[in-house]
Amino acid sequence: MQRVQDVIREAIIGLAFAPGEFIQKDAICKRLGVSRFPVSEALGRLADEGFVEILPQRGTRVTHIDIPACRQAMFIRRALEGEAVRVVAQRAGARVAERLEPILTAQKLAMDHGDGVAFFRHDIAFHDTILAELGYERVQAVVEAARGSLDRTRLFLLRTPARQHQSYLEHTAIAAALKAADPEAAYRAMTEHLDRVLNELELRAAENPQIFASSPPT
């Protein structure tokens, strides 16, 4: 059942199932070779996570991306990751910067190949590496929960070469501040990075009302 849930979630995050689209259970059953029960259970769990909504007598529909929820999630990330990178810069900035180098190399390679999905995966690894050095499991769990609600938006934004290039430069600035063991520069680089992501999100939401919702969909 977990596999079914993961496959459907990845399809929603990757926008293979578009916001507002009704999910055809029979098609999923056929594709995955399972009965309707695990699919129904998986969709119920995804409804709890906010990825779908179950409409009585109508079916299951992919939710639109909720902009107010994204703002809250980014507020959490900015507060926690900004402070985290400042602490890490003081404790072990150069060591963490060294760990970030292969991630940045992989990100650049993904960017050069126009691979948004791989770039997104390395983006997560970059931030996780910094949080792991902080060593606060509860902080990491809160950030991961906030980030989970942003996965669709982040992958949507990172599909564009311009945003990939900008994100790569922002990550490079964070790594440079860590390497210099400069807590305030690291804090500024991280918060500016997250602020730019939110600004880009607001812009894309205005341009793509079919994907984003400023209020819960009806």
N, C-alpha and C. Protein backbone atom coordinates (compact mmCIF):
# COMPACT_ATOMS: atom_id res chain seq x y z
N MET A 1 0.83 -1.21 0.00
CA MET A 1 0.00 0.00 0.00
C MET A 1 0.86 1.27 0.00
N GLN A 2 1.98 1.21 0.73
CA GLN A 2 2.87 2.37 0.78
C GLN A 2 3.42 2.68 -0.61
N ARG A 3 3.73 1.63 -1.38
CA ARG A 3 4.24 1.84 -2.74
C ARG A 3 3.22 2.57 -3.60
N VAL A 4 1.95 2.18 -3.46
CA VAL A 4 0.89 2.83 -4.23
C VAL A 4 0.79 4.30 -3.85
N GLN A 5 0.84 4.56 -2.56
CA GLN A 5 0.77 5.94 -2.08
C GLN A 5 1.94 6.76 -2.60
N ASP A 6 3.13 6.19 -2.56
CA ASP A 6 4.32 6.91 -3.03
C ASP A 6 4.26 7.20 -4.52
N VAL A 7 3.77 6.23 -5.30
CA VAL A 7 3.68 6.43 -6.76
C VAL A 7 2.70 7.55 -7.09
N ILE A 8 1.55 7.55 -6.42
CA ILE A 8 0.55 8.58 -6.70
C ILE A 8 1.06 9.94 -6.24
N ARG A 9 1.69 9.98 -5.07
CA ARG A 9 2.21 11.26 -4.57
C ARG A 9 3.25 11.83 -5.53
N GLU A 10 4.16 10.98 -6.01
CA GLU A 10 5.20 11.45 -6.93
C GLU A 10 4.58 11.97 -8.23
N ALA A 11 3.51 11.32 -8.68
CA ALA A 11 2.84 11.78 -9.90
C ALA A 11 2.20 13.14 -9.67
N ILE A 12 1.64 13.36 -8.48
CA ILE A 12 1.03 14.65 -8.17
C ILE A 12 2.09 15.73 -8.05
N ILE A 13 3.18 15.43 -7.33
CA ILE A 13 4.26 16.40 -7.16
C ILE A 13 4.88 16.76 -8.51
N GLY A 14 5.03 15.76 -9.37
CA GLY A 14 5.60 15.99 -10.69
C GLY A 14 4.63 16.59 -11.69
N LEU A 15 3.39 16.87 -11.23
CA LEU A 15 2.33 17.46 -12.05
C LEU A 15 1.89 16.55 -13.19
N ALA A 16 2.17 15.22 -13.05
CA ALA A 16 1.61 14.28 -14.01
C ALA A 16 0.09 14.23 -13.82
N PHE A 17 -0.35 14.41 -12.57
CA PHE A 17 -1.76 14.67 -12.27
C PHE A 17 -1.88 16.16 -12.00
N ALA A 18 -2.58 16.86 -12.84
CA ALA A 18 -2.67 18.31 -12.71
C ALA A 18 -3.63 18.72 -11.62
N PRO A 19 -3.39 19.85 -10.97
CA PRO A 19 -4.34 20.36 -9.98
C PRO A 19 -5.73 20.51 -10.60
N GLY A 20 -6.74 20.01 -9.88
CA GLY A 20 -8.11 20.05 -10.37
C GLY A 20 -8.52 18.82 -11.16
N GLU A 21 -7.55 17.97 -11.50
CA GLU A 21 -7.85 16.76 -12.28
C GLU A 21 -8.43 15.67 -11.38
N PHE A 22 -9.45 14.97 -11.89
CA PHE A 22 -10.00 13.83 -11.17
C PHE A 22 -9.14 12.60 -11.46
N ILE A 23 -8.84 11.86 -10.42
CA ILE A 23 -7.99 10.68 -10.54
C ILE A 23 -8.84 9.46 -10.88
N GLN A 24 -8.44 8.76 -11.92
CA GLN A 24 -9.15 7.56 -12.34
C GLN A 24 -8.55 6.34 -11.64
N LYS A 25 -9.27 5.82 -10.67
CA LYS A 25 -8.75 4.70 -9.88
C LYS A 25 -8.46 3.47 -10.74
N ASP A 26 -9.35 3.19 -11.68
CA ASP A 26 -9.18 1.99 -12.50
C ASP A 26 -7.88 2.05 -13.30
N ALA A 27 -7.53 3.23 -13.78
CA ALA A 27 -6.30 3.38 -14.56
C ALA A 27 -5.08 3.12 -13.68
N ILE A 28 -5.14 3.58 -12.43
CA ILE A 28 -4.03 3.36 -11.50
C ILE A 28 -3.92 1.88 -11.17
N CYS A 29 -5.07 1.24 -10.92
CA CYS A 29 -5.08 -0.20 -10.63
C CYS A 29 -4.42 -0.99 -11.75
N LYS A 30 -4.77 -0.64 -12.98
CA LYS A 30 -4.23 -1.35 -14.14
C LYS A 30 -2.74 -1.12 -14.27
N ARG A 31 -2.32 0.11 -14.07
CA ARG A 31 -0.91 0.45 -14.22
C ARG A 31 -0.05 -0.24 -13.16
N LEU A 32 -0.55 -0.28 -11.92
CA LEU A 32 0.25 -0.83 -10.82
C LEU A 32 -0.03 -2.30 -10.55
N GLY A 33 -1.06 -2.84 -11.20
CA GLY A 33 -1.40 -4.24 -11.00
C GLY A 33 -1.91 -4.54 -9.61
N VAL A 34 -2.76 -3.64 -9.09
CA VAL A 34 -3.31 -3.82 -7.75
C VAL A 34 -4.84 -3.69 -7.82
N SER A 35 -5.50 -4.07 -6.72
CA SER A 35 -6.95 -3.93 -6.64
C SER A 35 -7.31 -2.50 -6.26
N ARG A 36 -8.61 -2.21 -6.22
CA ARG A 36 -9.06 -0.86 -5.89
C ARG A 36 -8.81 -0.52 -4.41
N PHE A 37 -8.77 -1.52 -3.54
CA PHE A 37 -8.65 -1.25 -2.10
C PHE A 37 -7.37 -0.48 -1.76
N PRO A 38 -6.16 -0.95 -2.14
CA PRO A 38 -4.96 -0.18 -1.79
C PRO A 38 -4.92 1.20 -2.43
N VAL A 39 -5.54 1.34 -3.61
CA VAL A 39 -5.59 2.66 -4.25
C VAL A 39 -6.48 3.59 -3.44
N SER A 40 -7.63 3.09 -3.00
CA SER A 40 -8.54 3.90 -2.19
C SER A 40 -7.89 4.28 -0.87
N GLU A 41 -7.21 3.34 -0.25
CA GLU A 41 -6.53 3.63 1.01
C GLU A 41 -5.43 4.67 0.81
N ALA A 42 -4.68 4.53 -0.27
CA ALA A 42 -3.60 5.47 -0.56
C ALA A 42 -4.16 6.87 -0.78
N LEU A 43 -5.25 6.97 -1.51
CA LEU A 43 -5.86 8.27 -1.76
C LEU A 43 -6.40 8.89 -0.48
N GLY A 44 -6.90 8.05 0.42
CA GLY A 44 -7.37 8.56 1.71
C GLY A 44 -6.23 9.19 2.49
N ARG A 45 -5.07 8.54 2.47
CA ARG A 45 -3.90 9.08 3.16
C ARG A 45 -3.41 10.36 2.50
N LEU A 46 -3.44 10.37 1.18
CA LEU A 46 -3.01 11.57 0.45
C LEU A 46 -3.97 12.73 0.68
N ALA A 47 -5.24 12.42 0.95
CA ALA A 47 -6.20 13.47 1.31
C ALA A 47 -5.80 14.07 2.65
N ASP A 48 -5.36 13.23 3.58
CA ASP A 48 -4.90 13.72 4.88
C ASP A 48 -3.67 14.62 4.73
N GLU A 49 -2.85 14.33 3.73
CA GLU A 49 -1.65 15.13 3.48
C GLU A 49 -1.96 16.40 2.69
N GLY A 50 -3.18 16.50 2.16
CA GLY A 50 -3.58 17.69 1.43
C GLY A 50 -3.32 17.66 -0.06
N PHE A 51 -2.92 16.49 -0.59
CA PHE A 51 -2.64 16.40 -2.02
C PHE A 51 -3.90 16.19 -2.86
N VAL A 52 -4.92 15.56 -2.29
CA VAL A 52 -6.16 15.32 -3.00
C VAL A 52 -7.33 15.65 -2.09
N GLU A 53 -8.51 15.78 -2.68
CA GLU A 53 -9.74 15.93 -1.92
C GLU A 53 -10.74 14.91 -2.44
N ILE A 54 -11.43 14.27 -1.51
CA ILE A 54 -12.40 13.24 -1.87
C ILE A 54 -13.79 13.87 -1.85
N LEU A 55 -14.42 13.88 -3.01
CA LEU A 55 -15.73 14.51 -3.16
C LEU A 55 -16.80 13.42 -3.25
N PRO A 56 -17.71 13.33 -2.29
CA PRO A 56 -18.75 12.30 -2.32
C PRO A 56 -19.55 12.32 -3.62
N GLN A 57 -19.74 11.16 -4.17
CA GLN A 57 -20.50 10.95 -5.41
C GLN A 57 -19.83 11.52 -6.65
N ARG A 58 -18.64 12.09 -6.49
CA ARG A 58 -17.96 12.68 -7.65
C ARG A 58 -16.59 12.05 -7.92
N GLY A 59 -15.87 11.71 -6.87
CA GLY A 59 -14.56 11.10 -7.06
C GLY A 59 -13.48 11.81 -6.27
N THR A 60 -12.26 11.57 -6.65
CA THR A 60 -11.10 12.15 -5.96
C THR A 60 -10.39 13.10 -6.90
N ARG A 61 -10.19 14.31 -6.43
CA ARG A 61 -9.61 15.36 -7.26
C ARG A 61 -8.31 15.87 -6.66
N VAL A 62 -7.33 16.11 -7.51
CA VAL A 62 -6.07 16.69 -7.06
C VAL A 62 -6.31 18.12 -6.62
N THR A 63 -5.81 18.47 -5.45
CA THR A 63 -6.01 19.82 -4.95
C THR A 63 -5.16 20.82 -5.73
N HIS A 64 -5.64 22.05 -5.78
CA HIS A 64 -4.82 23.14 -6.30
C HIS A 64 -3.76 23.48 -5.25
N ILE A 65 -2.69 24.09 -5.69
CA ILE A 65 -1.63 24.48 -4.78
C ILE A 65 -2.08 25.70 -4.00
N ASP A 66 -2.12 25.56 -2.70
CA ASP A 66 -2.67 26.58 -1.81
C ASP A 66 -1.60 27.62 -1.47
N ILE A 67 -1.74 28.83 -2.02
CA ILE A 67 -0.75 29.87 -1.82
C ILE A 67 -0.62 30.28 -0.34
N PRO A 68 -1.72 30.50 0.39
CA PRO A 68 -1.56 30.84 1.82
C PRO A 68 -0.78 29.78 2.59
N ALA A 69 -1.02 28.50 2.29
CA ALA A 69 -0.29 27.43 2.96
C ALA A 69 1.19 27.48 2.59
N CYS A 70 1.48 27.81 1.34
CA CYS A 70 2.88 27.93 0.90
C CYS A 70 3.59 29.07 1.63
N ARG A 71 2.87 30.18 1.83
CA ARG A 71 3.48 31.31 2.55
C ARG A 71 3.84 30.90 3.97
N GLN A 72 2.94 30.17 4.62
CA GLN A 72 3.22 29.72 5.98
C GLN A 72 4.41 28.78 6.01
N ALA A 73 4.45 27.86 5.05
CA ALA A 73 5.56 26.91 5.00
C ALA A 73 6.89 27.63 4.78
N MET A 74 6.90 28.64 3.91
CA MET A 74 8.13 29.38 3.67
C MET A 74 8.53 30.21 4.88
N PHE A 75 7.55 30.70 5.64
CA PHE A 75 7.83 31.44 6.87
C PHE A 75 8.57 30.53 7.85
N ILE A 76 8.10 29.29 7.98
CA ILE A 76 8.74 28.31 8.86
C ILE A 76 10.15 28.01 8.39
N ARG A 77 10.30 27.76 7.10
CA ARG A 77 11.61 27.43 6.56
C ARG A 77 12.59 28.58 6.75
N ARG A 78 12.14 29.79 6.49
CA ARG A 78 13.02 30.96 6.62
C ARG A 78 13.52 31.11 8.05
N ALA A 79 12.60 30.96 9.00
CA ALA A 79 12.98 31.13 10.41
C ALA A 79 13.96 30.04 10.85
N LEU A 80 13.65 28.80 10.52
CA LEU A 80 14.48 27.69 11.01
C LEU A 80 15.76 27.49 10.21
N GLU A 81 15.67 27.54 8.89
CA GLU A 81 16.88 27.31 8.09
C GLU A 81 17.83 28.50 8.14
N GLY A 82 17.26 29.70 8.28
CA GLY A 82 18.13 30.86 8.43
C GLY A 82 18.97 30.76 9.69
N GLU A 83 18.33 30.41 10.81
CA GLU A 83 19.06 30.27 12.06
C GLU A 83 19.99 29.06 12.03
N ALA A 84 19.53 27.99 11.38
CA ALA A 84 20.35 26.77 11.30
C ALA A 84 21.67 27.04 10.60
N VAL A 85 21.61 27.72 9.47
CA VAL A 85 22.85 27.94 8.70
C VAL A 85 23.78 28.90 9.46
N ARG A 86 23.20 29.79 10.24
CA ARG A 86 24.04 30.68 11.05
C ARG A 86 24.80 29.89 12.12
N VAL A 87 24.11 28.96 12.78
CA VAL A 87 24.74 28.14 13.80
C VAL A 87 25.79 27.22 13.18
N VAL A 88 25.43 26.62 12.05
CA VAL A 88 26.35 25.70 11.38
C VAL A 88 27.62 26.43 10.93
N ALA A 89 27.48 27.65 10.44
CA ALA A 89 28.64 28.43 10.02
C ALA A 89 29.62 28.64 11.18
N GLN A 90 29.09 28.81 12.38
CA GLN A 90 29.93 29.00 13.56
C GLN A 90 30.61 27.69 13.97
N ARG A 91 29.85 26.61 13.89
CA ARG A 91 30.35 25.32 14.38
C ARG A 91 31.33 24.65 13.42
N ALA A 92 30.90 24.55 12.17
CA ALA A 92 31.65 23.71 11.23
C ALA A 92 31.43 24.15 9.79
N GLY A 93 31.51 25.45 9.56
CA GLY A 93 31.20 25.98 8.25
C GLY A 93 32.03 25.39 7.13
N ALA A 94 33.36 25.35 7.32
CA ALA A 94 34.24 24.86 6.26
C ALA A 94 33.99 23.39 5.97
N ARG A 95 33.76 22.60 7.02
CA ARG A 95 33.53 21.17 6.82
C ARG A 95 32.23 20.92 6.04
N VAL A 96 31.20 21.67 6.38
CA VAL A 96 29.93 21.50 5.68
C VAL A 96 30.04 21.99 4.24
N ALA A 97 30.74 23.09 4.04
CA ALA A 97 30.94 23.60 2.68
C ALA A 97 31.61 22.56 1.80
N GLU A 98 32.55 21.82 2.37
CA GLU A 98 33.23 20.75 1.62
C GLU A 98 32.24 19.65 1.23
N ARG A 99 31.30 19.33 2.13
CA ARG A 99 30.29 18.33 1.82
C ARG A 99 29.31 18.81 0.76
N LEU A 100 29.15 20.12 0.68
CA LEU A 100 28.21 20.67 -0.29
C LEU A 100 28.79 20.73 -1.71
N GLU A 101 30.10 20.68 -1.83
CA GLU A 101 30.73 20.82 -3.15
C GLU A 101 30.25 19.78 -4.16
N PRO A 102 30.23 18.48 -3.83
CA PRO A 102 29.75 17.51 -4.83
C PRO A 102 28.27 17.68 -5.16
N ILE A 103 27.49 18.18 -4.20
CA ILE A 103 26.07 18.44 -4.47
C ILE A 103 25.93 19.58 -5.46
N LEU A 104 26.71 20.62 -5.27
CA LEU A 104 26.68 21.74 -6.21
C LEU A 104 27.16 21.32 -7.60
N THR A 105 28.16 20.46 -7.64
CA THR A 105 28.63 19.95 -8.93
C THR A 105 27.53 19.17 -9.64
N ALA A 106 26.83 18.33 -8.88
CA ALA A 106 25.73 17.54 -9.45
C ALA A 106 24.59 18.45 -9.88
N GLN A 107 24.35 19.51 -9.11
CA GLN A 107 23.29 20.45 -9.49
C GLN A 107 23.62 21.15 -10.79
N LYS A 108 24.86 21.56 -10.93
CA LYS A 108 25.26 22.24 -12.17
C LYS A 108 25.12 21.30 -13.36
N LEU A 109 25.48 20.04 -13.17
CA LEU A 109 25.35 19.06 -14.25
C LEU A 109 23.88 18.89 -14.64
N ALA A 110 23.01 18.80 -13.64
CA ALA A 110 21.58 18.68 -13.91
C ALA A 110 21.06 19.92 -14.63
N MET A 111 21.55 21.08 -14.22
CA MET A 111 21.15 22.34 -14.85
C MET A 111 21.61 22.37 -16.30
N ASP A 112 22.84 21.95 -16.55
CA ASP A 112 23.38 21.96 -17.91
C ASP A 112 22.60 21.01 -18.83
N HIS A 113 22.04 19.94 -18.25
CA HIS A 113 21.27 18.97 -19.02
C HIS A 113 19.78 19.29 -19.02
N GLY A 114 19.39 20.36 -18.36
CA GLY A 114 17.98 20.73 -18.31
C GLY A 114 17.12 19.72 -17.57
N ASP A 115 17.71 19.05 -16.59
CA ASP A 115 17.00 18.01 -15.85
C ASP A 115 16.44 18.61 -14.55
N GLY A 116 15.21 19.11 -14.62
CA GLY A 116 14.61 19.75 -13.46
C GLY A 116 14.37 18.82 -12.30
N VAL A 117 14.03 17.57 -12.59
CA VAL A 117 13.77 16.61 -11.52
C VAL A 117 15.06 16.31 -10.74
N ALA A 118 16.15 16.08 -11.44
CA ALA A 118 17.43 15.83 -10.78
C ALA A 118 17.88 17.07 -10.01
N PHE A 119 17.69 18.23 -10.60
CA PHE A 119 18.06 19.48 -9.93
C PHE A 119 17.29 19.62 -8.62
N PHE A 120 16.01 19.29 -8.67
CA PHE A 120 15.15 19.34 -7.48
C PHE A 120 15.66 18.39 -6.42
N ARG A 121 16.06 17.19 -6.82
CA ARG A 121 16.57 16.20 -5.88
C ARG A 121 17.85 16.69 -5.20
N HIS A 122 18.73 17.32 -5.96
CA HIS A 122 19.97 17.84 -5.38
C HIS A 122 19.69 19.08 -4.52
N ASP A 123 18.65 19.80 -4.85
CA ASP A 123 18.24 20.94 -4.03
C ASP A 123 17.89 20.46 -2.62
N ILE A 124 17.13 19.38 -2.54
CA ILE A 124 16.77 18.81 -1.24
C ILE A 124 18.01 18.36 -0.49
N ALA A 125 18.93 17.69 -1.20
CA ALA A 125 20.16 17.21 -0.57
C ALA A 125 21.00 18.35 -0.01
N PHE A 126 21.03 19.46 -0.72
CA PHE A 126 21.79 20.63 -0.28
C PHE A 126 21.28 21.11 1.08
N HIS A 127 19.99 21.31 1.17
CA HIS A 127 19.41 21.82 2.42
C HIS A 127 19.49 20.78 3.54
N ASP A 128 19.30 19.51 3.19
CA ASP A 128 19.37 18.45 4.20
C ASP A 128 20.77 18.33 4.80
N THR A 129 21.79 18.54 3.99
CA THR A 129 23.16 18.45 4.47
C THR A 129 23.42 19.49 5.56
N ILE A 130 22.90 20.68 5.35
CA ILE A 130 23.08 21.74 6.36
C ILE A 130 22.30 21.42 7.63
N LEU A 131 21.06 20.99 7.47
CA LEU A 131 20.24 20.67 8.65
C LEU A 131 20.80 19.47 9.42
N ALA A 132 21.36 18.51 8.72
CA ALA A 132 21.92 17.33 9.38
C ALA A 132 23.08 17.74 10.28
N GLU A 133 23.87 18.71 9.85
CA GLU A 133 25.00 19.17 10.67
C GLU A 133 24.50 19.87 11.94
N LEU A 134 23.35 20.52 11.85
CA LEU A 134 22.78 21.16 13.03
C LEU A 134 22.51 20.12 14.12
N GLY A 135 21.98 18.97 13.71
CA GLY A 135 21.82 17.87 14.64
C GLY A 135 20.57 17.91 15.51
N TYR A 136 19.62 18.76 15.17
CA TYR A 136 18.37 18.86 15.93
C TYR A 136 17.27 18.14 15.16
N GLU A 137 16.94 16.95 15.61
CA GLU A 137 15.99 16.12 14.86
C GLU A 137 14.60 16.76 14.77
N ARG A 138 14.14 17.39 15.83
CA ARG A 138 12.81 18.00 15.80
C ARG A 138 12.77 19.17 14.83
N VAL A 139 13.85 19.95 14.78
CA VAL A 139 13.91 21.06 13.82
C VAL A 139 13.87 20.51 12.40
N GLN A 140 14.65 19.46 12.15
CA GLN A 140 14.68 18.87 10.82
C GLN A 140 13.31 18.32 10.43
N ALA A 141 12.60 17.71 11.39
CA ALA A 141 11.27 17.17 11.11
C ALA A 141 10.29 18.27 10.76
N VAL A 142 10.37 19.39 11.47
CA VAL A 142 9.46 20.52 11.18
C VAL A 142 9.75 21.10 9.80
N VAL A 143 11.03 21.24 9.47
CA VAL A 143 11.40 21.78 8.16
C VAL A 143 10.95 20.82 7.06
N GLU A 144 11.14 19.52 7.26
CA GLU A 144 10.73 18.54 6.25
C GLU A 144 9.22 18.57 6.04
N ALA A 145 8.46 18.74 7.12
CA ALA A 145 7.00 18.83 7.00
C ALA A 145 6.60 20.07 6.21
N ALA A 146 7.24 21.19 6.51
CA ALA A 146 6.95 22.43 5.78
C ALA A 146 7.35 22.29 4.32
N ARG A 147 8.50 21.67 4.10
CA ARG A 147 8.99 21.51 2.73
C ARG A 147 8.09 20.58 1.93
N GLY A 148 7.51 19.58 2.60
CA GLY A 148 6.63 18.66 1.90
C GLY A 148 5.45 19.34 1.25
N SER A 149 4.91 20.35 1.93
CA SER A 149 3.77 21.06 1.36
C SER A 149 4.18 21.96 0.21
N LEU A 150 5.49 22.13 0.01
CA LEU A 150 6.00 22.99 -1.06
C LEU A 150 6.55 22.21 -2.25
N ASP A 151 6.55 20.88 -2.15
CA ASP A 151 7.22 20.08 -3.19
C ASP A 151 6.69 20.37 -4.59
N ARG A 152 5.37 20.45 -4.71
CA ARG A 152 4.82 20.70 -6.05
C ARG A 152 5.25 22.05 -6.58
N THR A 153 5.25 23.06 -5.70
CA THR A 153 5.62 24.40 -6.16
C THR A 153 7.10 24.47 -6.51
N ARG A 154 7.94 23.84 -5.71
CA ARG A 154 9.37 23.89 -5.96
C ARG A 154 9.73 23.19 -7.25
N LEU A 155 9.13 22.03 -7.49
CA LEU A 155 9.41 21.32 -8.74
C LEU A 155 8.87 22.11 -9.93
N PHE A 156 7.72 22.75 -9.76
CA PHE A 156 7.15 23.58 -10.81
C PHE A 156 8.10 24.73 -11.16
N LEU A 157 8.64 25.39 -10.15
CA LEU A 157 9.54 26.51 -10.38
C LEU A 157 10.87 26.05 -10.98
N LEU A 158 11.39 24.92 -10.47
CA LEU A 158 12.72 24.47 -10.88
C LEU A 158 12.74 23.81 -12.26
N ARG A 159 11.58 23.73 -12.89
CA ARG A 159 11.58 23.22 -14.27
C ARG A 159 12.18 24.22 -15.24
N THR A 160 12.19 25.50 -14.86
CA THR A 160 12.66 26.54 -15.78
C THR A 160 14.17 26.73 -15.64
N PRO A 161 14.89 26.84 -16.75
CA PRO A 161 16.35 27.05 -16.69
C PRO A 161 16.73 28.31 -15.91
N ALA A 162 15.93 29.36 -16.03
CA ALA A 162 16.25 30.61 -15.34
C ALA A 162 16.24 30.42 -13.83
N ARG A 163 15.21 29.71 -13.33
CA ARG A 163 15.12 29.51 -11.88
C ARG A 163 16.21 28.54 -11.41
N GLN A 164 16.53 27.54 -12.21
CA GLN A 164 17.62 26.63 -11.86
C GLN A 164 18.93 27.40 -11.72
N HIS A 165 19.21 28.25 -12.69
CA HIS A 165 20.45 29.03 -12.67
C HIS A 165 20.50 29.93 -11.45
N GLN A 166 19.38 30.61 -11.16
CA GLN A 166 19.34 31.52 -10.01
C GLN A 166 19.50 30.75 -8.71
N SER A 167 18.82 29.62 -8.60
CA SER A 167 18.92 28.81 -7.38
C SER A 167 20.34 28.29 -7.18
N TYR A 168 20.97 27.88 -8.26
CA TYR A 168 22.36 27.40 -8.18
C TYR A 168 23.28 28.51 -7.66
N LEU A 169 23.11 29.72 -8.17
CA LEU A 169 23.94 30.84 -7.71
C LEU A 169 23.68 31.13 -6.24
N GLU A 170 22.43 31.03 -5.82
CA GLU A 170 22.08 31.28 -4.42
C GLU A 170 22.69 30.20 -3.52
N HIS A 171 22.65 28.97 -3.96
CA HIS A 171 23.27 27.89 -3.18
C HIS A 171 24.79 28.09 -3.10
N THR A 172 25.38 28.53 -4.19
CA THR A 172 26.82 28.79 -4.20
C THR A 172 27.18 29.87 -3.18
N ALA A 173 26.34 30.89 -3.08
CA ALA A 173 26.59 31.98 -2.12
C ALA A 173 26.48 31.47 -0.68
N ILE A 174 25.53 30.57 -0.42
CA ILE A 174 25.39 29.98 0.91
C ILE A 174 26.63 29.17 1.25
N ALA A 175 27.08 28.34 0.30
CA ALA A 175 28.26 27.51 0.52
C ALA A 175 29.51 28.37 0.75
N ALA A 176 29.62 29.47 0.03
CA ALA A 176 30.79 30.36 0.18
C ALA A 176 30.80 30.99 1.57
N ALA A 177 29.64 31.39 2.06
CA ALA A 177 29.56 31.98 3.39
C ALA A 177 29.90 30.95 4.46
N LEU A 178 29.47 29.71 4.25
CA LEU A 178 29.82 28.64 5.18
C LEU A 178 31.33 28.39 5.17
N LYS A 179 31.90 28.34 3.99
CA LYS A 179 33.34 28.09 3.86
C LYS A 179 34.14 29.18 4.56
N ALA A 180 33.64 30.41 4.52
CA ALA A 180 34.30 31.53 5.18
C ALA A 180 34.00 31.58 6.67
N ALA A 181 33.15 30.66 7.14
CA ALA A 181 32.74 30.63 8.55
C ALA A 181 32.16 31.98 8.98
N ASP A 182 31.33 32.55 8.11
CA ASP A 182 30.72 33.86 8.36
C ASP A 182 29.23 33.66 8.65
N PRO A 183 28.84 33.61 9.92
CA PRO A 183 27.44 33.32 10.27
C PRO A 183 26.43 34.30 9.69
N GLU A 184 26.75 35.59 9.75
CA GLU A 184 25.78 36.59 9.28
C GLU A 184 25.64 36.55 7.76
N ALA A 185 26.73 36.33 7.06
CA ALA A 185 26.66 36.22 5.60
C ALA A 185 25.88 34.96 5.22
N ALA A 186 26.07 33.88 5.97
CA ALA A 186 25.34 32.64 5.70
C ALA A 186 23.85 32.83 5.93
N TYR A 187 23.52 33.53 7.01
CA TYR A 187 22.12 33.81 7.31
C TYR A 187 21.48 34.64 6.20
N ARG A 188 22.17 35.69 5.78
CA ARG A 188 21.63 36.55 4.71
C ARG A 188 21.45 35.77 3.43
N ALA A 189 22.45 34.95 3.07
CA ALA A 189 22.38 34.19 1.82
C ALA A 189 21.21 33.21 1.85
N MET A 190 21.00 32.55 2.98
CA MET A 190 19.90 31.59 3.07
C MET A 190 18.54 32.28 3.03
N THR A 191 18.37 33.33 3.82
CA THR A 191 17.06 33.99 3.86
C THR A 191 16.74 34.68 2.54
N GLU A 192 17.74 35.25 1.90
CA GLU A 192 17.51 35.86 0.59
C GLU A 192 17.13 34.81 -0.44
N HIS A 193 17.76 33.65 -0.35
CA HIS A 193 17.43 32.52 -1.24
C HIS A 193 15.96 32.13 -1.08
N LEU A 194 15.52 31.94 0.15
CA LEU A 194 14.14 31.52 0.40
C LEU A 194 13.15 32.64 0.06
N ASP A 195 13.54 33.88 0.30
CA ASP A 195 12.66 35.00 -0.07
C ASP A 195 12.45 35.06 -1.58
N ARG A 196 13.52 34.81 -2.34
CA ARG A 196 13.40 34.85 -3.80
C ARG A 196 12.50 33.71 -4.29
N VAL A 197 12.59 32.55 -3.65
CA VAL A 197 11.71 31.44 -4.03
C VAL A 197 10.26 31.84 -3.82
N LEU A 198 9.95 32.46 -2.69
CA LEU A 198 8.57 32.87 -2.42
C LEU A 198 8.12 33.95 -3.40
N ASN A 199 9.00 34.89 -3.71
CA ASN A 199 8.63 35.94 -4.67
C ASN A 199 8.33 35.34 -6.04
N GLU A 200 9.16 34.37 -6.45
CA GLU A 200 8.94 33.70 -7.74
C GLU A 200 7.62 32.93 -7.72
N LEU A 201 7.34 32.32 -6.59
CA LEU A 201 6.09 31.57 -6.44
C LEU A 201 4.89 32.48 -6.58
N GLU A 202 4.93 33.63 -5.94
CA GLU A 202 3.82 34.58 -6.03
C GLU A 202 3.60 35.02 -7.48
N LEU A 203 4.70 35.25 -8.19
CA LEU A 203 4.61 35.66 -9.59
C LEU A 203 4.01 34.57 -10.45
N ARG A 204 4.47 33.34 -10.28
CA ARG A 204 3.96 32.22 -11.08
C ARG A 204 2.50 31.91 -10.74
N ALA A 205 2.12 32.13 -9.50
CA ALA A 205 0.73 31.89 -9.10
C ALA A 205 -0.21 32.83 -9.84
N ALA A 206 0.22 34.07 -9.98
CA ALA A 206 -0.61 35.06 -10.70
C ALA A 206 -0.72 34.70 -12.18
N GLU A 207 0.33 34.08 -12.72
CA GLU A 207 0.35 33.74 -14.14
C GLU A 207 -0.35 32.41 -14.44
N ASN A 208 -0.51 31.56 -13.42
CA ASN A 208 -1.07 30.21 -13.62
C ASN A 208 -2.20 29.92 -12.65
N PRO A 209 -3.30 30.65 -12.75
CA PRO A 209 -4.40 30.45 -11.79
C PRO A 209 -5.03 29.06 -11.87
N GLN A 210 -4.80 28.34 -12.98
CA GLN A 210 -5.34 26.98 -13.10
C GLN A 210 -4.60 25.98 -12.23
N ILE A 211 -3.42 26.35 -11.75
CA ILE A 211 -2.61 25.47 -10.91
C ILE A 211 -2.66 25.90 -9.45
N PHE A 212 -2.64 27.20 -9.23
CA PHE A 212 -2.57 27.73 -7.88
C PHE A 212 -3.93 28.25 -7.43
N ALA A 213 -4.13 28.23 -6.11
CA ALA A 213 -5.37 28.74 -5.55
C ALA A 213 -5.03 29.70 -4.42
N SER A 214 -5.61 30.91 -4.44
CA SER A 214 -5.40 31.86 -3.38
C SER A 214 -6.29 31.58 -2.19
N SER A 215 -7.29 30.74 -2.41
CA SER A 215 -8.19 30.30 -1.34
C SER A 215 -8.59 28.87 -1.65
N PRO A 216 -9.12 28.12 -0.68
CA PRO A 216 -9.49 26.74 -0.95
C PRO A 216 -10.42 26.63 -2.14
N PRO A 217 -10.16 25.68 -3.07
CA PRO A 217 -11.00 25.52 -4.25
C PRO A 217 -12.40 25.06 -3.88
N THR A 218 -13.37 25.39 -4.72
CA THR A 218 -14.75 25.01 -4.46
C THR A 218 -15.08 23.76 -5.26
